[in-house]
Every structure is written in C-alpha cells, then in structure tokens.
PDB file of N, CA and C in Angstrom:
ATOM      1  N   MET A   1      -2.410 -89.361-196.157  1.00  0.00           N
ATOM      2  CA  MET A   1      -3.642 -88.547-194.466  1.00  0.00           C
ATOM      3  C   MET A   1      -2.088 -88.697-194.174  1.00  0.00           C
ATOM      4  N   THR A   2      -2.422 -88.066-192.269  1.00  0.00           N
ATOM      5  CA  THR A   2      -1.210 -88.263-192.410  1.00  0.00           C
ATOM      6  C   THR A   2      -1.977 -88.223-190.222  1.00  0.00           C
ATOM      7  N   ASP A   3      -1.748 -88.884-189.083  1.00  0.00           N
ATOM      8  CA  ASP A   3      -1.874 -89.775-188.064  1.00  0.00           C
ATOM      9  C   ASP A   3      -2.589 -88.302-186.950  1.00  0.00           C
ATOM     10  N   GLU A   4      -1.961 -87.079-187.803  1.00  0.00           N
ATOM     11  CA  GLU A   4      -1.640 -85.705-186.507  1.00  0.00           C
ATOM     12  C   GLU A   4      -2.415 -85.488-185.249  1.00  0.00           C
ATOM     13  N   THR A   5      -2.343 -84.738-184.292  1.00  0.00           N
ATOM     14  CA  THR A   5      -3.339 -84.883-183.852  1.00  0.00           C
ATOM     15  C   THR A   5      -3.399 -82.719-183.975  1.00  0.00           C
ATOM     16  N   ILE A   6      -4.981 -82.884-183.648  1.00  0.00           N
ATOM     17  CA  ILE A   6      -6.023 -81.775-184.204  1.00  0.00           C
ATOM     18  C   ILE A   6      -6.713 -81.188-183.601  1.00  0.00           C
ATOM     19  N   SER A   7      -6.569 -80.284-182.707  1.00  0.00           N
ATOM     20  CA  SER A   7      -7.208 -79.509-181.546  1.00  0.00           C
ATOM     21  C   SER A   7      -8.329 -79.205-181.894  1.00  0.00           C
ATOM     22  N   LEU A   8      -9.606 -79.723-180.774  1.00  0.00           N
ATOM     23  CA  LEU A   8     -10.559 -79.367-181.789  1.00  0.00           C
ATOM     24  C   LEU A   8     -10.465 -77.889-181.000  1.00  0.00           C
ATOM     25  N   SER A   9     -10.170 -77.405-180.515  1.00  0.00           N
ATOM     26  CA  SER A   9     -10.350 -75.943-180.459  1.00  0.00           C
ATOM     27  C   SER A   9     -10.380 -74.782-181.816  1.00  0.00           C
ATOM     28  N   GLN A  10      -9.454 -75.624-182.492  1.00  0.00           N
ATOM     29  CA  GLN A  10      -9.978 -74.579-183.930  1.00  0.00           C
ATOM     30  C   GLN A  10     -10.162 -75.407-184.855  1.00  0.00           C
ATOM     31  N   PRO A  11     -10.662 -74.460-186.000  1.00  0.00           N
ATOM     32  CA  PRO A  11     -11.416 -75.004-186.706  1.00  0.00           C
ATOM     33  C   PRO A  11     -10.925 -75.995-187.892  1.00  0.00           C
ATOM     34  N   HIS A  12     -12.195 -77.185-187.798  1.00  0.00           N
ATOM     35  CA  HIS A  12     -11.989 -77.814-187.744  1.00  0.00           C
ATOM     36  C   HIS A  12     -13.725 -79.023-188.705  1.00  0.00           C
ATOM     37  N   PHE A  13     -13.653 -79.734-189.204  1.00  0.00           N
ATOM     38  CA  PHE A  13     -14.649 -80.451-190.375  1.00  0.00           C
ATOM     39  C   PHE A  13     -14.588 -82.046-189.467  1.00  0.00           C
ATOM     40  N   HIS A  14     -15.535 -82.468-190.021  1.00  0.00           N
ATOM     41  CA  HIS A  14     -16.004 -84.842-189.308  1.00  0.00           C
ATOM     42  C   HIS A  14     -15.785 -84.278-190.544  1.00  0.00           C
ATOM     43  N   VAL A  15     -15.459 -85.703-191.313  1.00  0.00           N
ATOM     44  CA  VAL A  15     -16.071 -86.532-192.067  1.00  0.00           C
ATOM     45  C   VAL A  15     -16.298 -87.561-192.339  1.00  0.00           C
ATOM     46  N   THR A  16     -17.403 -87.997-192.637  1.00  0.00           N
ATOM     47  CA  THR A  16     -17.507 -89.247-193.279  1.00  0.00           C
ATOM     48  C   THR A  16     -17.690 -90.019-194.969  1.00  0.00           C
ATOM     49  N   LEU A  17     -16.697 -90.355-195.551  1.00  0.00           N
ATOM     50  CA  LEU A  17     -15.760 -90.999-196.334  1.00  0.00           C
ATOM     51  C   LEU A  17     -16.602 -92.540-197.265  1.00  0.00           C
ATOM     52  N   ARG A  18     -17.962 -92.437-197.528  1.00  0.00           N
ATOM     53  CA  ARG A  18     -18.576 -93.679-198.609  1.00  0.00           C
ATOM     54  C   ARG A  18     -17.844 -94.492-199.629  1.00  0.00           C
ATOM     55  N   ARG A  19     -17.186 -95.400-199.723  1.00  0.00           N
ATOM     56  CA  ARG A  19     -17.197 -95.821-200.439  1.00  0.00           C
ATOM     57  C   ARG A  19     -17.855 -96.662-201.383  1.00  0.00           C
ATOM     58  N   GLU A  20     -18.431 -96.537-202.221  1.00  0.00           N
ATOM     59  CA  GLU A  20     -20.219 -97.559-202.876  1.00  0.00           C
ATOM     60  C   GLU A  20     -19.157 -99.149-203.342  1.00  0.00           C
ATOM     61  N   SER A  21     -19.706-100.024-202.401  1.00  0.00           N
ATOM     62  CA  SER A  21     -19.283-101.226-202.848  1.00  0.00           C
ATOM     63  C   SER A  21     -19.918-101.907-203.899  1.00  0.00           C
ATOM     64  N   GLU A  22     -18.990-102.252-205.114  1.00  0.00           N
ATOM     65  CA  GLU A  22     -18.588-103.607-206.136  1.00  0.00           C
ATOM     66  C   GLU A  22     -19.903-104.322-206.128  1.00  0.00           C
ATOM     67  N   HIS A  23     -19.206-105.159-205.210  1.00  0.00           N
ATOM     68  CA  HIS A  23     -20.319-106.279-204.566  1.00  0.00           C
ATOM     69  C   HIS A  23     -21.910-106.274-203.988  1.00  0.00           C
ATOM     70  N   ARG A  24     -22.770-106.958-205.011  1.00  0.00           N
ATOM     71  CA  ARG A  24     -24.091-106.833-204.322  1.00  0.00           C
ATOM     72  C   ARG A  24     -24.483-107.301-203.054  1.00  0.00           C
ATOM     73  N   PHE A  25     -24.074-107.842-202.405  1.00  0.00           N
ATOM     74  CA  PHE A  25     -23.866-108.700-201.503  1.00  0.00           C
ATOM     75  C   PHE A  25     -23.151-108.336-200.437  1.00  0.00           C
ATOM     76  N   ARG A  26     -22.106-106.981-200.546  1.00  0.00           N
ATOM     77  CA  ARG A  26     -20.992-106.554-199.648  1.00  0.00           C
ATOM     78  C   ARG A  26     -21.196-105.088-199.790  1.00  0.00           C
ATOM     79  N   SER A  27     -21.160-105.007-197.774  1.00  0.00           N
ATOM     80  CA  SER A  27     -21.726-104.108-197.778  1.00  0.00           C
ATOM     81  C   SER A  27     -20.775-102.174-198.017  1.00  0.00           C
ATOM     82  N   ASP A  28     -21.590-101.396-198.055  1.00  0.00           N
ATOM     83  CA  ASP A  28     -21.068 -99.904-198.687  1.00  0.00           C
ATOM     84  C   ASP A  28     -19.335-100.293-197.324  1.00  0.00           C
ATOM     85  N   GLU A  29     -17.691 -99.244-197.897  1.00  0.00           N
ATOM     86  CA  GLU A  29     -17.127 -98.906-197.206  1.00  0.00           C
ATOM     87  C   GLU A  29     -17.206 -97.469-195.849  1.00  0.00           C
ATOM     88  N   HIS A  30     -17.390 -97.462-195.369  1.00  0.00           N
ATOM     89  CA  HIS A  30     -17.059 -96.320-195.167  1.00  0.00           C
ATOM     90  C   HIS A  30     -15.681 -95.568-193.980  1.00  0.00           C
ATOM     91  N   ASP A  31     -15.421 -94.090-193.777  1.00  0.00           N
ATOM     92  CA  ASP A  31     -14.385 -93.767-192.839  1.00  0.00           C
ATOM     93  C   ASP A  31     -14.668 -92.625-192.742  1.00  0.00           C
ATOM     94  N   GLN A  32     -13.958 -92.248-191.494  1.00  0.00           N
ATOM     95  CA  GLN A  32     -13.818 -91.484-190.935  1.00  0.00           C
ATOM     96  C   GLN A  32     -13.013 -90.785-190.559  1.00  0.00           C
ATOM     97  N   LEU A  33     -13.082 -89.260-191.030  1.00  0.00           N
ATOM     98  CA  LEU A  33     -11.635 -88.613-190.274  1.00  0.00           C
ATOM     99  C   LEU A  33     -12.120 -86.883-189.764  1.00  0.00           C
ATOM    100  N   VAL A  34     -11.091 -86.344-189.103  1.00  0.00           N
ATOM    101  CA  VAL A  34     -10.833 -85.051-188.228  1.00  0.00           C
ATOM    102  C   VAL A  34     -10.339 -83.883-189.131  1.00  0.00           C
ATOM    103  N   ILE A  35     -10.140 -84.116-189.567  1.00  0.00           N
ATOM    104  CA  ILE A  35      -9.346 -82.755-190.783  1.00  0.00           C
ATOM    105  C   ILE A  35      -9.864 -81.259-190.768  1.00  0.00           C
ATOM    106  N   SER A  36      -8.092 -80.916-190.149  1.00  0.00           N
ATOM    107  CA  SER A  36      -8.347 -79.223-189.398  1.00  0.00           C
ATOM    108  C   SER A  36      -8.225 -78.243-190.871  1.00  0.00           C
ATOM    109  N   GLU A  37      -8.994 -77.042-190.638  1.00  0.00           N
ATOM    110  CA  GLU A  37      -9.464 -75.426-191.583  1.00  0.00           C
ATOM    111  C   GLU A  37      -8.217 -75.894-192.715  1.00  0.00           C
ATOM    112  N   ALA A  38      -7.179 -75.966-192.231  1.00  0.00           N
ATOM    113  CA  ALA A  38      -6.215 -75.690-192.848  1.00  0.00           C
ATOM    114  C   ALA A  38      -5.429 -76.781-194.435  1.00  0.00           C
ATOM    115  N   ALA A  39      -5.828 -77.834-193.817  1.00  0.00           N
ATOM    116  CA  ALA A  39      -5.884 -78.869-194.696  1.00  0.00           C
ATOM    117  C   ALA A  39      -6.808 -79.138-195.635  1.00  0.00           C
ATOM    118  N   LEU A  40      -7.911 -78.566-195.251  1.00  0.00           N
ATOM    119  CA  LEU A  40      -8.469 -78.833-196.639  1.00  0.00           C
ATOM    120  C   LEU A  40      -7.996 -78.983-198.207  1.00  0.00           C
ATOM    121  N   ASP A  41      -7.157 -78.400-199.087  1.00  0.00           N
ATOM    122  CA  ASP A  41      -7.182 -78.471-200.095  1.00  0.00           C
ATOM    123  C   ASP A  41      -6.730 -80.214-200.453  1.00  0.00           C
ATOM    124  N   GLU A  42      -5.661 -80.498-199.271  1.00  0.00           N
ATOM    125  CA  GLU A  42      -4.541 -81.468-199.305  1.00  0.00           C
ATOM    126  C   GLU A  42      -5.673 -82.653-199.432  1.00  0.00           C
ATOM    127  N   LEU A  43      -7.014 -82.813-198.797  1.00  0.00           N
ATOM    128  CA  LEU A  43      -7.603 -82.756-198.992  1.00  0.00           C
ATOM    129  C   LEU A  43      -8.853 -83.793-200.319  1.00  0.00           C
ATOM    130  N   ASP A  44      -9.443 -82.545-201.030  1.00  0.00           N
ATOM    131  CA  ASP A  44      -9.502 -82.741-202.442  1.00  0.00           C
ATOM    132  C   ASP A  44      -8.419 -82.840-203.803  1.00  0.00           C
ATOM    133  N   GLU A  45      -7.569 -82.348-202.829  1.00  0.00           N
ATOM    134  CA  GLU A  45      -5.994 -82.766-204.149  1.00  0.00           C
ATOM    135  C   GLU A  45      -6.495 -84.692-203.771  1.00  0.00           C
ATOM    136  N   TRP A  46      -6.700 -85.108-202.754  1.00  0.00           N
ATOM    137  CA  TRP A  46      -6.408 -86.825-202.185  1.00  0.00           C
ATOM    138  C   TRP A  46      -7.587 -87.329-202.910  1.00  0.00           C
ATOM    139  N   LEU A  47      -8.639 -87.025-202.262  1.00  0.00           N
ATOM    140  CA  LEU A  47     -10.232 -87.662-203.565  1.00  0.00           C
ATOM    141  C   LEU A  47     -10.051 -87.219-204.072  1.00  0.00           C
ATOM    142  N   GLU A  48      -9.036 -86.475-204.703  1.00  0.00           N
ATOM    143  CA  GLU A  48      -9.426 -86.633-206.586  1.00  0.00           C
ATOM    144  C   GLU A  48      -8.624 -88.205-207.279  1.00  0.00           C
ATOM    145  N   SER A  49      -7.169 -87.815-206.295  1.00  0.00           N
ATOM    146  CA  SER A  49      -6.163 -88.640-206.280  1.00  0.00           C
ATOM    147  C   SER A  49      -7.035 -89.893-206.596  1.00  0.00           C
ATOM    148  N   LYS A  50      -7.933 -90.330-206.118  1.00  0.00           N
ATOM    149  CA  LYS A  50      -8.565 -91.248-205.592  1.00  0.00           C
ATOM    150  C   LYS A  50      -9.323 -92.271-206.833  1.00  0.00           C
ATOM    151  N   ASP A  51      -8.827 -91.155-208.176  1.00  0.00           N
ATOM    152  CA  ASP A  51     -10.604 -92.052-209.045  1.00  0.00           C
ATOM    153  C   ASP A  51      -9.895 -92.433-210.003  1.00  0.00           C
TER     154      ASP A  51
END
C-alpha cells in the first residue's frame, strides 16, 4: 500500500482490517485505511496475497 494523499471529495472507502490473534490472551490487531475507489482492485490483490 502507499502513503498517497486521497482527496476526500473523490469517491473513497474507509476500511478497517482485523487480524485475529493466534494467542488466547493477546488482542486482535486492527488497522484502518482510506482507499480510493480506483484502488479497490489493488486492495483485493494485496489482501489475497496475505493468505
């Protein structure tokens, strides 16, 4: 992913990603992203490659 600035006047999505913890006493990890509509395919590819 990039650190590009996204104009909030353009179509975009605010996405929260959650990774479940493998450890019983550790909290799940969360990350929040703002994704431009044009980058949704790139996000899909990135998420699928994380499997």
